[in-house]
Amino acid sequence: MTLLRDEHLAAAFDHASRTYDTLVAANPGYHAHLRRSVHRLGLPGQGQGPNRGRTG
């Protein structure tokens, strides 16, 4: 697998996001399943990532 950076990564994300959004819409329980998985994994900050909610 090729490692993408900068504008190549952004372009790949934009391309894939259309399909991803369609798949998420087709599964009404998707976000609840993600939250359940985060809880089971015991991720800090409810899985929001290290920089979520920080400014600066």
PDB file of N, CA and C in Angstrom:
ATOM      1  N   MET A   1       0.847  -1.167   0.000  1.00  0.00           N
ATOM      2  CA  MET A   1       0.000   0.000   0.000  1.00  0.00           C
ATOM      3  C   MET A   1       0.896   1.235   0.000  1.00  0.00           C
ATOM      4  N   THR A   2       0.554   2.190  -0.815  1.00  0.00           N
ATOM      5  CA  THR A   2       1.311   3.432  -0.908  1.00  0.00           C
ATOM      6  C   THR A   2       0.897   4.386   0.206  1.00  0.00           C
ATOM      7  N   LEU A   3       1.879   5.003   0.840  1.00  0.00           N
ATOM      8  CA  LEU A   3       1.614   5.994   1.875  1.00  0.00           C
ATOM      9  C   LEU A   3       1.326   7.332   1.208  1.00  0.00           C
ATOM     10  N   LEU A   4       0.163   7.876   1.465  1.00  0.00           N
ATOM     11  CA  LEU A   4      -0.231   9.150   0.866  1.00  0.00           C
ATOM     12  C   LEU A   4       0.022  10.288   1.839  1.00  0.00           C
ATOM     13  N   ARG A   5       0.394  11.436   1.288  1.00  0.00           N
ATOM     14  CA  ARG A   5       0.645  12.620   2.111  1.00  0.00           C
ATOM     15  C   ARG A   5       0.046  13.848   1.444  1.00  0.00           C
ATOM     16  N   ASP A   6      -0.185  14.844   2.262  1.00  0.00           N
ATOM     17  CA  ASP A   6      -0.599  16.174   1.814  1.00  0.00           C
ATOM     18  C   ASP A   6      -1.777  16.129   0.847  1.00  0.00           C
ATOM     19  N   GLU A   7      -1.634  16.756  -0.311  1.00  0.00           N
ATOM     20  CA  GLU A   7      -2.760  16.882  -1.243  1.00  0.00           C
ATOM     21  C   GLU A   7      -3.207  15.537  -1.799  1.00  0.00           C
ATOM     22  N   HIS A   8      -2.299  14.561  -1.877  1.00  0.00           N
ATOM     23  CA  HIS A   8      -2.689  13.235  -2.360  1.00  0.00           C
ATOM     24  C   HIS A   8      -3.592  12.534  -1.343  1.00  0.00           C
ATOM     25  N   LEU A   9      -3.276  12.697  -0.078  1.00  0.00           N
ATOM     26  CA  LEU A   9      -4.112  12.125   0.981  1.00  0.00           C
ATOM     27  C   LEU A   9      -5.478  12.800   1.007  1.00  0.00           C
ATOM     28  N   ALA A  10      -5.483  14.120   0.904  1.00  0.00           N
ATOM     29  CA  ALA A  10      -6.752  14.857   0.903  1.00  0.00           C
ATOM     30  C   ALA A  10      -7.625  14.451  -0.278  1.00  0.00           C
ATOM     31  N   ALA A  11      -7.028  14.290  -1.448  1.00  0.00           N
ATOM     32  CA  ALA A  11      -7.790  13.893  -2.638  1.00  0.00           C
ATOM     33  C   ALA A  11      -8.358  12.486  -2.476  1.00  0.00           C
ATOM     34  N   ALA A  12      -7.568  11.570  -1.924  1.00  0.00           N
ATOM     35  CA  ALA A  12      -8.046  10.202  -1.715  1.00  0.00           C
ATOM     36  C   ALA A  12      -9.187  10.180  -0.704  1.00  0.00           C
ATOM     37  N   PHE A  13      -9.068  10.974   0.349  1.00  0.00           N
ATOM     38  CA  PHE A  13     -10.135  11.054   1.345  1.00  0.00           C
ATOM     39  C   PHE A  13     -11.416  11.590   0.719  1.00  0.00           C
ATOM     40  N   ASP A  14     -11.304  12.666  -0.039  1.00  0.00           N
ATOM     41  CA  ASP A  14     -12.482  13.245  -0.691  1.00  0.00           C
ATOM     42  C   ASP A  14     -13.152  12.242  -1.618  1.00  0.00           C
ATOM     43  N   HIS A  15     -12.355  11.482  -2.340  1.00  0.00           N
ATOM     44  CA  HIS A  15     -12.894  10.485  -3.271  1.00  0.00           C
ATOM     45  C   HIS A  15     -13.642   9.381  -2.511  1.00  0.00           C
ATOM     46  N   ALA A  16     -13.034   8.886  -1.440  1.00  0.00           N
ATOM     47  CA  ALA A  16     -13.627   7.774  -0.691  1.00  0.00           C
ATOM     48  C   ALA A  16     -14.802   8.214   0.171  1.00  0.00           C
ATOM     49  N   SER A  17     -14.834   9.468   0.571  1.00  0.00           N
ATOM     50  CA  SER A  17     -15.863   9.912   1.512  1.00  0.00           C
ATOM     51  C   SER A  17     -17.272   9.802   0.938  1.00  0.00           C
ATOM     52  N   ARG A  18     -17.414   9.948  -0.364  1.00  0.00           N
ATOM     53  CA  ARG A  18     -18.751   9.829  -0.964  1.00  0.00           C
ATOM     54  C   ARG A  18     -19.310   8.422  -0.754  1.00  0.00           C
ATOM     55  N   THR A  19     -18.490   7.431  -0.993  1.00  0.00           N
ATOM     56  CA  THR A  19     -18.914   6.042  -0.806  1.00  0.00           C
ATOM     57  C   THR A  19     -19.140   5.749   0.672  1.00  0.00           C
ATOM     58  N   TYR A  20     -18.247   6.248   1.515  1.00  0.00           N
ATOM     59  CA  TYR A  20     -18.358   6.040   2.953  1.00  0.00           C
ATOM     60  C   TYR A  20     -19.678   6.604   3.476  1.00  0.00           C
ATOM     61  N   ASP A  21     -20.014   7.823   3.065  1.00  0.00           N
ATOM     62  CA  ASP A  21     -21.267   8.441   3.507  1.00  0.00           C
ATOM     63  C   ASP A  21     -22.477   7.616   3.086  1.00  0.00           C
ATOM     64  N   THR A  22     -22.442   7.054   1.891  1.00  0.00           N
ATOM     65  CA  THR A  22     -23.537   6.208   1.404  1.00  0.00           C
ATOM     66  C   THR A  22     -23.656   4.947   2.249  1.00  0.00           C
ATOM     67  N   LEU A  23     -22.520   4.330   2.563  1.00  0.00           N
ATOM     68  CA  LEU A  23     -22.534   3.113   3.383  1.00  0.00           C
ATOM     69  C   LEU A  23     -23.036   3.398   4.799  1.00  0.00           C
ATOM     70  N   VAL A  24     -22.620   4.515   5.372  1.00  0.00           N
ATOM     71  CA  VAL A  24     -23.080   4.884   6.714  1.00  0.00           C
ATOM     72  C   VAL A  24     -24.588   5.121   6.704  1.00  0.00           C
ATOM     73  N   ALA A  25     -25.081   5.799   5.684  1.00  0.00           N
ATOM     74  CA  ALA A  25     -26.519   6.068   5.585  1.00  0.00           C
ATOM     75  C   ALA A  25     -27.321   4.780   5.456  1.00  0.00           C
ATOM     76  N   ALA A  26     -26.736   3.754   4.858  1.00  0.00           N
ATOM     77  CA  ALA A  26     -27.429   2.479   4.673  1.00  0.00           C
ATOM     78  C   ALA A  26     -27.470   1.650   5.958  1.00  0.00           C
ATOM     79  N   ASN A  27     -26.682   2.024   6.961  1.00  0.00           N
ATOM     80  CA  ASN A  27     -26.631   1.290   8.218  1.00  0.00           C
ATOM     81  C   ASN A  27     -27.008   2.246   9.354  1.00  0.00           C
ATOM     82  N   PRO A  28     -28.298   2.313   9.709  1.00  0.00           N
ATOM     83  CA  PRO A  28     -28.742   3.274  10.721  1.00  0.00           C
ATOM     84  C   PRO A  28     -28.068   3.107  12.084  1.00  0.00           C
ATOM     85  N   GLY A  29     -27.563   1.937  12.395  1.00  0.00           N
ATOM     86  CA  GLY A  29     -26.929   1.714  13.691  1.00  0.00           C
ATOM     87  C   GLY A  29     -25.431   1.921  13.693  1.00  0.00           C
ATOM     88  N   TYR A  30     -24.875   2.418  12.602  1.00  0.00           N
ATOM     89  CA  TYR A  30     -23.422   2.524  12.449  1.00  0.00           C
ATOM     90  C   TYR A  30     -22.761   3.319  13.579  1.00  0.00           C
ATOM     91  N   HIS A  31     -23.261   4.506  13.853  1.00  0.00           N
ATOM     92  CA  HIS A  31     -22.631   5.343  14.870  1.00  0.00           C
ATOM     93  C   HIS A  31     -22.778   4.746  16.269  1.00  0.00           C
ATOM     94  N   ALA A  32     -23.903   4.113  16.533  1.00  0.00           N
ATOM     95  CA  ALA A  32     -24.074   3.441  17.827  1.00  0.00           C
ATOM     96  C   ALA A  32     -23.080   2.294  17.965  1.00  0.00           C
ATOM     97  N   HIS A  33     -22.830   1.580  16.879  1.00  0.00           N
ATOM     98  CA  HIS A  33     -21.854   0.486  16.911  1.00  0.00           C
ATOM     99  C   HIS A  33     -20.447   1.028  17.162  1.00  0.00           C
ATOM    100  N   LEU A  34     -20.117   2.157  16.550  1.00  0.00           N
ATOM    101  CA  LEU A  34     -18.808   2.769  16.798  1.00  0.00           C
ATOM    102  C   LEU A  34     -18.663   3.167  18.261  1.00  0.00           C
ATOM    103  N   ARG A  35     -19.693   3.801  18.815  1.00  0.00           N
ATOM    104  CA  ARG A  35     -19.637   4.197  20.225  1.00  0.00           C
ATOM    105  C   ARG A  35     -19.479   2.976  21.133  1.00  0.00           C
ATOM    106  N   ARG A  36     -20.178   1.897  20.823  1.00  0.00           N
ATOM    107  CA  ARG A  36     -20.062   0.669  21.609  1.00  0.00           C
ATOM    108  C   ARG A  36     -18.635   0.129  21.541  1.00  0.00           C
ATOM    109  N   SER A  37     -18.050   0.158  20.362  1.00  0.00           N
ATOM    110  CA  SER A  37     -16.679  -0.331  20.195  1.00  0.00           C
ATOM    111  C   SER A  37     -15.686   0.523  20.975  1.00  0.00           C
ATOM    112  N   VAL A  38     -15.872   1.837  20.945  1.00  0.00           N
ATOM    113  CA  VAL A  38     -15.002   2.733  21.709  1.00  0.00           C
ATOM    114  C   VAL A  38     -15.105   2.398  23.191  1.00  0.00           C
ATOM    115  N   HIS A  39     -16.316   2.201  23.671  1.00  0.00           N
ATOM    116  CA  HIS A  39     -16.518   1.860  25.079  1.00  0.00           C
ATOM    117  C   HIS A  39     -15.812   0.548  25.417  1.00  0.00           C
ATOM    118  N   ARG A  40     -15.971  -0.456  24.583  1.00  0.00           N
ATOM    119  CA  ARG A  40     -15.358  -1.763  24.834  1.00  0.00           C
ATOM    120  C   ARG A  40     -13.833  -1.700  24.802  1.00  0.00           C
ATOM    121  N   LEU A  41     -13.293  -0.857  23.926  1.00  0.00           N
ATOM    122  CA  LEU A  41     -11.842  -0.722  23.829  1.00  0.00           C
ATOM    123  C   LEU A  41     -11.258   0.102  24.970  1.00  0.00           C
ATOM    124  N   GLY A  42     -12.109   0.862  25.646  1.00  0.00           N
ATOM    125  CA  GLY A  42     -11.639   1.697  26.742  1.00  0.00           C
ATOM    126  C   GLY A  42     -10.783   2.859  26.270  1.00  0.00           C
ATOM    127  N   LEU A  43     -11.086   3.402  25.103  1.00  0.00           N
ATOM    128  CA  LEU A  43     -10.293   4.503  24.566  1.00  0.00           C
ATOM    129  C   LEU A  43     -10.504   5.770  25.381  1.00  0.00           C
ATOM    130  N   PRO A  44      -9.420   6.501  25.666  1.00  0.00           N
ATOM    131  CA  PRO A  44      -9.563   7.739  26.433  1.00  0.00           C
ATOM    132  C   PRO A  44     -10.316   8.795  25.637  1.00  0.00           C
ATOM    133  N   GLY A  45     -10.986   9.687  26.345  1.00  0.00           N
ATOM    134  CA  GLY A  45     -11.713  10.770  25.691  1.00  0.00           C
ATOM    135  C   GLY A  45     -12.820  10.277  24.793  1.00  0.00           C
ATOM    136  N   GLN A  46     -13.366   9.123  25.112  1.00  0.00           N
ATOM    137  CA  GLN A  46     -14.430   8.504  24.317  1.00  0.00           C
ATOM    138  C   GLN A  46     -14.016   8.327  22.860  1.00  0.00           C
ATOM    139  N   GLY A  47     -12.712   8.119  22.633  1.00  0.00           N
ATOM    140  CA  GLY A  47     -12.211   7.848  21.289  1.00  0.00           C
ATOM    141  C   GLY A  47     -12.117   9.054  20.390  1.00  0.00           C
ATOM    142  N   GLN A  48     -12.171  10.252  20.960  1.00  0.00           N
ATOM    143  CA  GLN A  48     -12.168  11.465  20.140  1.00  0.00           C
ATOM    144  C   GLN A  48     -10.795  11.832  19.608  1.00  0.00           C
ATOM    145  N   GLY A  49      -9.762  11.185  20.061  1.00  0.00           N
ATOM    146  CA  GLY A  49      -8.420  11.500  19.582  1.00  0.00           C
ATOM    147  C   GLY A  49      -7.715  12.482  20.501  1.00  0.00           C
ATOM    148  N   PRO A  50      -6.397  12.598  20.354  1.00  0.00           N
ATOM    149  CA  PRO A  50      -5.609  13.395  21.296  1.00  0.00           C
ATOM    150  C   PRO A  50      -5.811  14.900  21.184  1.00  0.00           C
ATOM    151  N   ASN A  51      -6.229  15.405  20.038  1.00  0.00           N
ATOM    152  CA  ASN A  51      -6.339  16.851  19.856  1.00  0.00           C
ATOM    153  C   ASN A  51      -7.771  17.344  19.798  1.00  0.00           C
ATOM    154  N   ARG A  52      -8.718  16.489  20.022  1.00  0.00           N
ATOM    155  CA  ARG A  52     -10.129  16.861  19.914  1.00  0.00           C
ATOM    156  C   ARG A  52     -10.497  17.840  21.019  1.00  0.00           C
ATOM    157  N   GLY A  53     -11.105  18.947  20.640  1.00  0.00           N
ATOM    158  CA  GLY A  53     -11.567  19.909  21.616  1.00  0.00           C
ATOM    159  C   GLY A  53     -10.513  20.896  22.080  1.00  0.00           C
ATOM    160  N   ARG A  54      -9.291  20.751  21.598  1.00  0.00           N
ATOM    161  CA  ARG A  54      -8.227  21.682  21.974  1.00  0.00           C
ATOM    162  C   ARG A  54      -8.123  22.793  20.940  1.00  0.00           C
ATOM    163  N   THR A  55      -7.743  23.941  21.403  1.00  0.00           N
ATOM    164  CA  THR A  55      -7.510  25.059  20.483  1.00  0.00           C
ATOM    165  C   THR A  55      -6.051  25.470  20.564  1.00  0.00           C
ATOM    166  N   GLY A  56      -5.571  26.082  19.499  1.00  0.00           N
ATOM    167  CA  GLY A  56      -4.203  26.592  19.504  1.00  0.00           C
ATOM    168  C   GLY A  56      -3.272  25.739  18.868  1.00  0.00           C
TER     169      GLY A  56
END
